[in-house]
Structures are given as C-alpha cells and as structure tokens.
Protein backbone atom coordinates (compact mmCIF):
# COMPACT_ATOMS: atom_id res chain seq x y z
CA MET A 1 137.92 130.95 186.38
CA GLU A 2 137.35 134.51 187.37
CA CYS A 3 134.78 137.19 186.90
CA ARG A 4 136.41 140.49 187.43
CA VAL A 5 133.02 141.93 186.45
CA PHE A 6 133.75 145.33 185.07
CA GLY A 7 137.35 145.79 186.24
CA LEU A 8 138.03 149.48 186.38
CA LEU A 9 141.78 149.37 186.84
CA ARG A 10 143.86 146.96 184.80
CA LYS A 11 146.98 147.20 186.94
CA SER A 12 148.11 144.28 189.07
CA SER A 13 148.39 145.07 192.74
CA ALA A 14 151.02 143.82 195.13
CA ALA A 15 148.78 144.61 198.09
CA LYS A 16 148.28 141.72 200.49
CA GLY A 17 144.71 142.57 201.27
CA ARG A 18 141.44 143.84 199.89
CA VAL A 19 138.50 145.98 200.97
CA GLY A 20 134.98 144.73 200.25
CA ILE A 21 132.06 147.16 200.18
CA ALA A 22 128.33 146.46 199.77
CA PHE A 23 125.56 149.05 199.84
CA ASP A 24 122.08 148.67 201.23
CA SER A 25 119.41 151.26 201.85
CA GLY A 26 121.02 153.82 204.14
CA ARG A 27 124.05 151.77 205.11
CA VAL A 28 127.39 150.55 203.81
CA ALA A 29 128.84 147.18 204.81
CA VAL A 30 132.64 147.27 204.95
CA ALA A 31 135.11 144.38 205.30
CA VAL A 32 138.90 144.47 205.26
CA ALA A 33 140.80 141.20 204.75
CA VAL A 34 144.60 140.81 204.74
CA ARG A 35 146.89 137.90 203.97
CA VAL A 36 149.15 136.81 206.82
CA GLY A 37 151.33 133.97 205.55
CA ASP A 38 148.93 131.39 204.14
CA ARG A 39 145.97 132.70 206.17
CA THR A 40 143.35 135.32 205.45
CA VAL A 41 142.63 137.54 208.44
CA LEU A 42 139.45 139.61 208.61
CA GLU A 43 140.68 142.82 210.20
CA ARG A 44 137.49 144.84 209.95
CA CYS A 45 133.81 144.05 209.54
CA GLU A 46 131.22 146.73 210.26
CA VAL A 47 128.17 148.61 209.03
CA LEU A 48 128.30 152.36 208.42
CA ALA A 49 125.08 154.36 208.30
CA PHE A 50 124.34 157.29 205.99
CA ASP A 51 121.31 159.34 205.01
CA PRO A 52 119.88 157.77 201.83
CA ALA A 53 118.28 161.12 200.98
CA GLY A 54 121.80 162.39 200.37
CA GLY A 55 122.29 159.93 197.52
CA VAL A 56 125.69 159.02 196.17
CA GLU A 57 127.44 161.96 197.80
CA ALA A 58 126.26 160.92 201.27
CA ALA A 59 127.54 157.39 200.64
CA ALA A 60 130.86 158.73 199.33
CA THR A 61 131.24 160.95 202.39
CA VAL A 62 130.74 158.13 204.90
CA ILE A 63 133.22 155.94 203.00
CA ARG A 64 135.86 158.69 202.85
CA SER A 65 135.50 159.28 206.59
CA ALA A 66 135.79 155.58 207.49
CA GLY A 67 139.59 155.55 207.50
CA LEU A 68 139.84 152.54 205.21
CA PRO A 69 143.33 151.27 204.31
CA ARG A 70 144.90 151.91 200.92
CA MET A 71 144.12 148.53 199.35
CA PRO A 72 142.35 147.26 196.23
CA VAL A 73 138.59 147.65 196.60
CA SER A 74 135.73 145.41 195.45
CA MET A 75 132.20 146.79 195.28
CA VAL A 76 129.30 144.31 195.32
CA LEU A 77 126.28 144.94 193.12
CA ARG A 78 122.82 144.67 194.61
CA PRO A 79 120.57 141.88 193.21
CA GLU A 80 118.32 144.40 191.49
CA ASP A 81 121.27 145.95 189.65
CA TYR A 82 122.26 142.98 187.48
CA GLN A 83 121.23 139.65 185.98
CA LEU A 84 123.24 136.43 185.76
CA VAL A 85 122.51 134.28 182.71
CA LEU A 86 123.92 130.88 181.69
CA VAL A 87 124.47 130.88 177.92
CA GLU A 88 126.39 128.98 175.26
CA ALA A 89 129.64 130.78 174.52
CA PRO A 90 129.84 132.45 171.09
CA ASP A 91 132.51 131.02 168.79
CA VAL A 92 134.56 134.22 168.56
CA PRO A 93 138.09 135.30 169.55
CA PRO A 94 138.44 136.31 173.26
CA ALA A 95 138.77 139.99 172.35
CA GLU A 96 135.32 139.88 170.74
CA LEU A 97 133.59 137.81 173.41
CA ARG A 98 131.86 140.57 175.36
CA ALA A 99 130.55 142.26 172.22
CA ALA A 100 129.19 138.97 170.88
CA MET A 101 127.67 138.12 174.25
CA ARG A 102 125.75 141.37 174.24
CA TRP A 103 123.66 140.15 171.30
CA ARG A 104 123.15 136.76 172.94
CA LEU A 105 121.64 138.51 175.96
CA LYS A 106 119.31 140.78 174.05
CA ASP A 107 116.21 138.67 174.77
CA SER A 108 117.38 137.22 178.11
CA ILE A 109 117.43 140.27 180.38
CA ASP A 110 114.62 142.55 181.50
CA PHE A 111 116.29 145.84 180.59
CA ARG A 112 117.77 147.23 177.38
CA VAL A 113 121.01 145.48 176.47
CA GLU A 114 122.28 148.84 175.21
CA ASP A 115 122.09 150.03 178.85
CA ALA A 116 124.07 147.05 180.17
CA VAL A 117 127.70 146.54 181.07
CA ILE A 118 128.63 142.95 180.20
CA ASP A 119 131.21 140.58 181.65
CA VAL A 120 131.54 136.79 181.52
CA PHE A 121 133.09 133.87 183.37
CA ASP A 122 133.57 130.22 182.49
CA VAL A 123 132.02 127.16 184.06
CA PRO A 124 133.66 123.72 183.75
CA PRO A 125 132.85 121.72 180.60
CA GLN A 126 129.67 119.66 180.83
CA SER A 127 129.99 115.92 180.34
CA ARG A 128 126.74 115.40 178.45
CA GLY A 129 127.18 115.08 174.70
CA GLY A 130 125.97 117.82 172.40
CA VAL A 131 126.39 120.62 174.96
CA GLY A 132 128.67 123.40 173.77
CA ARG A 133 130.95 125.52 175.90
CA MET A 134 128.84 127.30 178.50
CA MET A 135 129.52 130.58 180.25
CA TYR A 136 127.82 132.79 182.80
CA ALA A 137 127.20 136.29 181.54
CA VAL A 138 126.72 139.15 183.96
CA ALA A 139 124.64 142.04 182.64
CA ALA A 140 124.67 145.03 184.99
CA ARG A 141 122.72 148.21 184.65
CA ARG A 142 125.18 150.85 183.51
CA THR A 143 123.66 153.38 185.89
CA ALA A 144 124.40 151.04 188.83
CA VAL A 145 128.05 150.63 187.81
CA GLU A 146 128.42 154.39 187.41
CA ARG A 147 126.81 154.90 190.82
CA CYS A 148 129.36 152.50 192.35
CA ALA A 149 132.23 154.38 190.75
CA ALA A 150 130.88 157.72 191.99
CA ALA A 151 130.41 156.46 195.55
CA LEU A 152 134.02 155.23 195.61
CA SER A 153 135.52 158.24 193.90
CA GLY A 154 137.78 158.83 196.88
CA MET A 155 139.31 155.34 196.75
CA PRO A 156 142.00 155.28 194.03
CA LEU A 157 142.46 151.49 194.17
CA PHE A 158 138.83 150.65 193.38
CA ASP A 159 139.31 147.94 190.75
CA VAL A 160 136.41 145.43 190.82
CA VAL A 161 132.63 145.52 190.69
CA ASP A 162 131.60 142.09 191.97
CA VAL A 163 128.40 140.03 192.09
CA PRO A 164 126.91 138.21 195.11
CA GLU A 165 127.18 134.74 193.52
CA LEU A 166 130.96 134.99 193.31
CA CYS A 167 131.20 136.52 196.79
CA LEU A 168 129.36 133.43 198.04
CA ARG A 169 131.73 131.25 195.99
CA ASN A 170 134.67 132.89 197.78
CA LEU A 171 133.13 132.02 201.15
CA ALA A 172 132.17 128.45 200.21
CA SER A 173 135.66 127.77 198.87
CA ARG A 174 137.09 128.48 202.35
CA MET A 175 135.17 125.60 203.89
CA THR A 176 137.39 122.65 204.78
CA GLU A 177 135.14 120.35 202.72
CA ALA A 178 135.33 122.54 199.59
CA ALA A 179 137.86 120.29 197.83
CA GLY A 180 135.20 117.58 197.61
CA GLY A 181 132.38 119.96 196.72
CA VAL A 182 129.94 121.97 198.84
CA ALA A 183 126.56 123.61 198.40
CA LEU A 184 125.87 127.01 199.93
CA LEU A 185 122.23 127.96 200.45
CA HIS A 186 121.98 131.72 200.90
CA LEU A 187 118.68 132.90 202.39
CA GLY A 188 117.10 136.17 201.33
CA ASP A 189 113.81 137.57 202.55
CA THR A 190 111.56 135.68 200.13
CA SER A 191 114.00 133.68 197.98
CA ALA A 192 117.27 131.80 198.28
CA SER A 193 120.32 131.12 196.09
CA VAL A 194 121.91 127.69 195.80
CA ILE A 195 125.63 127.91 194.91
CA LEU A 196 127.61 124.76 194.05
CA VAL A 197 131.38 124.96 194.44
CA ARG A 198 134.24 122.47 194.17
CA GLY A 199 137.55 123.85 195.38
CA THR A 200 137.49 127.43 194.13
CA THR A 201 135.49 126.58 191.00
CA PHE A 202 131.96 127.90 190.59
CA TYR A 203 129.74 125.28 188.93
CA PHE A 204 126.16 126.32 189.25
CA SER A 205 123.67 128.78 190.71
CA ARG A 206 119.92 128.40 191.10
CA GLN A 207 117.27 130.67 192.61
CA THR A 208 114.42 129.22 194.64
CA GLU A 209 111.39 130.66 196.42
CA LEU A 210 111.22 130.46 200.20
CA ARG A 211 107.87 129.35 201.62
CA PRO A 212 106.98 129.95 205.27
CA VAL A 213 105.35 127.20 207.31
CA LYS A 214 101.95 127.78 208.89
CA VAL A 215 102.20 126.40 212.41
CA GLY A 216 99.00 127.52 214.06
CA PRO A 217 96.99 130.58 215.08
CA THR A 218 100.16 132.62 215.64
CA ALA A 219 101.46 131.98 212.11
CA GLY A 220 102.78 135.20 210.65
CA ASP A 221 104.08 136.48 213.98
CA ALA A 222 107.75 137.33 214.38
CA ASP A 223 108.43 133.99 216.09
CA ASP A 224 107.25 132.19 212.95
CA ALA A 225 109.90 133.86 210.77
CA ALA A 226 112.44 131.16 211.61
CA GLN A 227 110.27 128.39 210.17
CA LEU A 228 110.51 127.62 206.47
CA ASP A 229 109.07 124.83 204.32
CA SER A 230 112.07 122.50 204.46
CA ASP A 231 110.42 119.96 202.13
CA ALA A 232 110.30 122.48 199.28
CA ILE A 233 113.91 123.49 199.94
CA VAL A 234 115.06 119.86 199.95
CA LEU A 235 113.38 119.36 196.56
CA GLU A 236 115.19 122.36 195.06
CA LEU A 237 118.50 121.31 196.59
CA GLN A 238 118.12 117.81 195.18
CA ARG A 239 117.38 119.18 191.71
CA SER A 240 120.51 121.34 191.88
CA LEU A 241 122.69 118.50 193.14
CA ASP A 242 121.34 116.08 190.52
CA TYR A 243 122.12 118.60 187.78
CA TYR A 244 125.65 119.04 189.13
CA GLU A 245 126.30 115.30 189.27
CA ARG A 246 124.82 114.49 185.84
CA HIS A 247 126.02 117.43 183.78
CA PHE A 248 129.50 117.79 185.25
CA ASP A 249 130.15 114.11 186.05
CA GLN A 250 130.98 114.92 189.68
CA PRO A 251 130.65 112.78 192.82
CA PRO A 252 127.74 113.59 195.13
CA ILE A 253 127.92 116.57 197.46
CA SER A 254 127.01 115.82 201.07
CA ARG A 255 128.00 119.08 202.78
CA ILE A 256 125.57 122.00 202.79
CA ALA A 257 126.03 125.35 204.53
CA ILE A 258 123.30 127.93 205.07
CA SER A 259 123.98 131.66 205.15
CA PRO A 260 123.73 134.15 206.69
CA ILE A 261 123.84 132.77 210.21
CA SER A 262 120.59 133.48 212.08
CA ASP A 263 117.86 131.72 214.05
CA ARG A 264 116.15 130.99 210.74
CA ALA A 265 119.32 129.45 209.27
CA ARG A 266 119.92 127.32 212.36
CA ALA A 267 116.30 126.10 212.41
CA LEU A 268 116.45 125.19 208.72
CA ALA A 269 119.81 123.42 209.18
CA ALA A 270 118.33 121.35 212.01
CA ALA A 271 115.34 120.40 209.86
CA LEU A 272 117.51 119.41 206.89
CA ASN A 273 119.83 117.39 209.13
CA ARG A 274 116.82 115.57 210.51
CA ASP A 275 115.07 114.92 207.20
CA THR A 276 117.96 114.28 204.79
CA GLY A 277 121.29 112.50 204.63
CA PHE A 278 123.18 115.77 204.21
CA ASP A 279 125.59 117.32 206.70
CA VAL A 280 124.02 120.77 207.14
CA SER A 281 124.98 123.72 209.33
CA ALA A 282 124.72 127.50 209.40
CA LEU A 283 127.78 129.27 208.00
CA ASP A 284 129.50 131.12 210.84
CA LEU A 285 132.22 133.55 209.75
CA ASN A 286 133.83 133.22 213.18
CA ASP A 287 134.58 129.55 212.44
CA LEU A 288 135.12 129.89 208.70
CA LEU A 289 137.82 132.54 209.02
CA GLY A 290 139.07 131.65 212.50
CA LEU A 291 138.22 135.07 213.93
CA GLN A 292 139.70 135.88 217.33
CA THR A 293 137.23 138.71 217.88
CA PRO A 294 133.74 137.25 217.30
CA VAL A 295 131.39 139.00 214.89
CA GLU A 296 127.75 139.08 215.96
CA PRO A 297 125.23 137.29 213.71
CA SER A 298 123.45 140.54 212.79
CA VAL A 299 126.74 142.07 211.61
CA GLN A 300 127.65 138.88 209.75
CA SER A 301 124.33 139.04 207.94
CA ALA A 302 124.80 142.68 206.93
CA CYS A 303 128.46 142.22 205.94
CA LEU A 304 128.43 138.77 204.34
CA MET A 305 128.79 139.97 200.74
CA ALA A 306 131.39 142.56 201.69
CA VAL A 307 133.42 139.83 203.41
CA GLY A 308 133.07 137.56 200.37
CA ALA A 309 134.32 140.39 198.16
CA ALA A 310 137.23 141.16 200.49
CA ILE A 311 138.58 137.59 200.47
CA ARG A 312 138.67 137.24 196.66
CA GLU A 313 142.10 136.23 195.42
CA GLU A 314 141.96 136.44 191.62
CA ARG A 315 144.05 139.05 189.87
CA ARG A 316 143.64 138.23 186.17
CA THR A 317 140.88 139.39 183.84
CA LEU A 318 139.31 137.65 180.86
C-alpha cells in the first residue's frame, strides 16, 4: 500500500536517502534521512526561517540556500490544504480510478472537486460481510500543490507530495511493537489524529477534539496547557480500536504512542497509563531512530512531519 500522492516524477531513484520538507507560517522544517545498511539514519533535522511576506519566492530562496543533498524530495501538505476521505472503491480499471474517484468525492469535500488533485491508497479488506473494497482518497487543493512545486523549483528530484497521516504511518511503523499493531495519537493545538498501523500497513485514521481540563482558578494559564481531558481521549481511542478489531478482524492493540514529544504529551501518557490497560508513552525521535546527536523536543515537534516524509520507503505508484 502506498500513496505517492501526486507524484511529480515517475522515475525510480537509486538514491539511498530522502529529504522531507514541511512548511509552516514563516518557517520550513527540513529532514534528511539516509539508509546505512539496514538502518535509517537521520542526518539532518532543523527549522529554517523565512519572511512569509515574501511568499513562495522567499520559501524557495531559503530552501535553495540550505545546501540540501541531491536526493529525492517529499513535500508534506498542510492540514488545511487537503482532505482525506474513506470511500468505497469504484469498480473501474486502475487507469480510470482517479477519474472515477473524482465524482465520488464531489459531495464529500468542502471545495470544488474541479479544483482538486486526487490520489488514492488502499486499506486492507474489511472482514464484515457486505462491505466493498474501501480506499482512502486524498483531495488536495490544486493551488497548494502548485505552490509546493514552485517552492521546490530548485530541487530537481522533487517527486512526492505527501500527507501527514502517511508521514505518521512511517514513524509508527518504525516502533519495535509495530508488527503486532500500534496506535499513534498525534496532538495538534485543538484536535488530535489517531492513526492505527500494523507493520507498515495503514488501517485507519480518526480525528478527535482535544478538551482542556479546568483545574482551578489558574485554569487557562500557560501551566494548564499540559492538562487534557484524558477521559474523552480514552473514549475516542477505544472507539478507534474497537473499529479496528471488528472491521479488520485484528487482535487488540495495547501499545499507544503520543506525538509530538512535549510536556503535554508526557502528562497525557502518564494519565493514560494510570487510567487504562494500555502501554502509553510519548514518541521520542531520539529513541525511535537511535539518534546519536539528540534532537530537542521543540525541534522534534516542528520537524515531525518532515522526518516522517524523509523516512518513507515506497517507490511504486498506483
């Protein structure tokens, strides 16, 4: 299973590494990963600042001046630039799949389907009777894809526009427990994504709202930011895990990781360990990738998607 998501170059690459790039407001997260034997080594992980008033050209300039190696490049879309939709696969030949999917998505996305770039990736067959072949469809705003291409105009090996869910899948699949199934809970500012992975296979993604806990007269202060309503999160996790077990006929998952690493992630992991039977911890890239030079939590947070993009291993396209 692979989502090349809008592959721009169709050539195979013999390069033994990849560059991952993710934009935020006024900064570019960059990660460089290389294969050394059977290991993936993260050679570079940093945040580059640029003036957002300068638009795409300012971003392109800072990337060109970064001295990045000549390797295949993955660009990660921002959450506001795409939508991920689980749909029943149209019964058409593979060559016609994306065109047929476009009409399936017409009433499922909040922008004009004519303005979308479409790609798809499979999920494993569901065990419940009467359920047809399901696929995830990625609908990206064409303007966002074009903006990515313009920002990376100086990088001739730019070949993939990626999505955060599959970047998280790449990270979760590196966990030692991944062969038996893991859940990765990725915390945003006001919402979180639950990603379920077994081996390298992406099974399921769910979005959930994050609710802060009111702990007293200082609630709302900066110190309160680390405290979330763990009961509500446990409920959403259980719903996701129940769906995974019932619909895919899989054994229970007991290992949960929380990303990105932070005081908030550690506090939530401690609460979930205390209140559930799950083995829960914050996802630390230093441990996950065996880094000899530690990466600070703030840099890990900013670069997490770029790292996930850089460690992708697929080469084929649908």
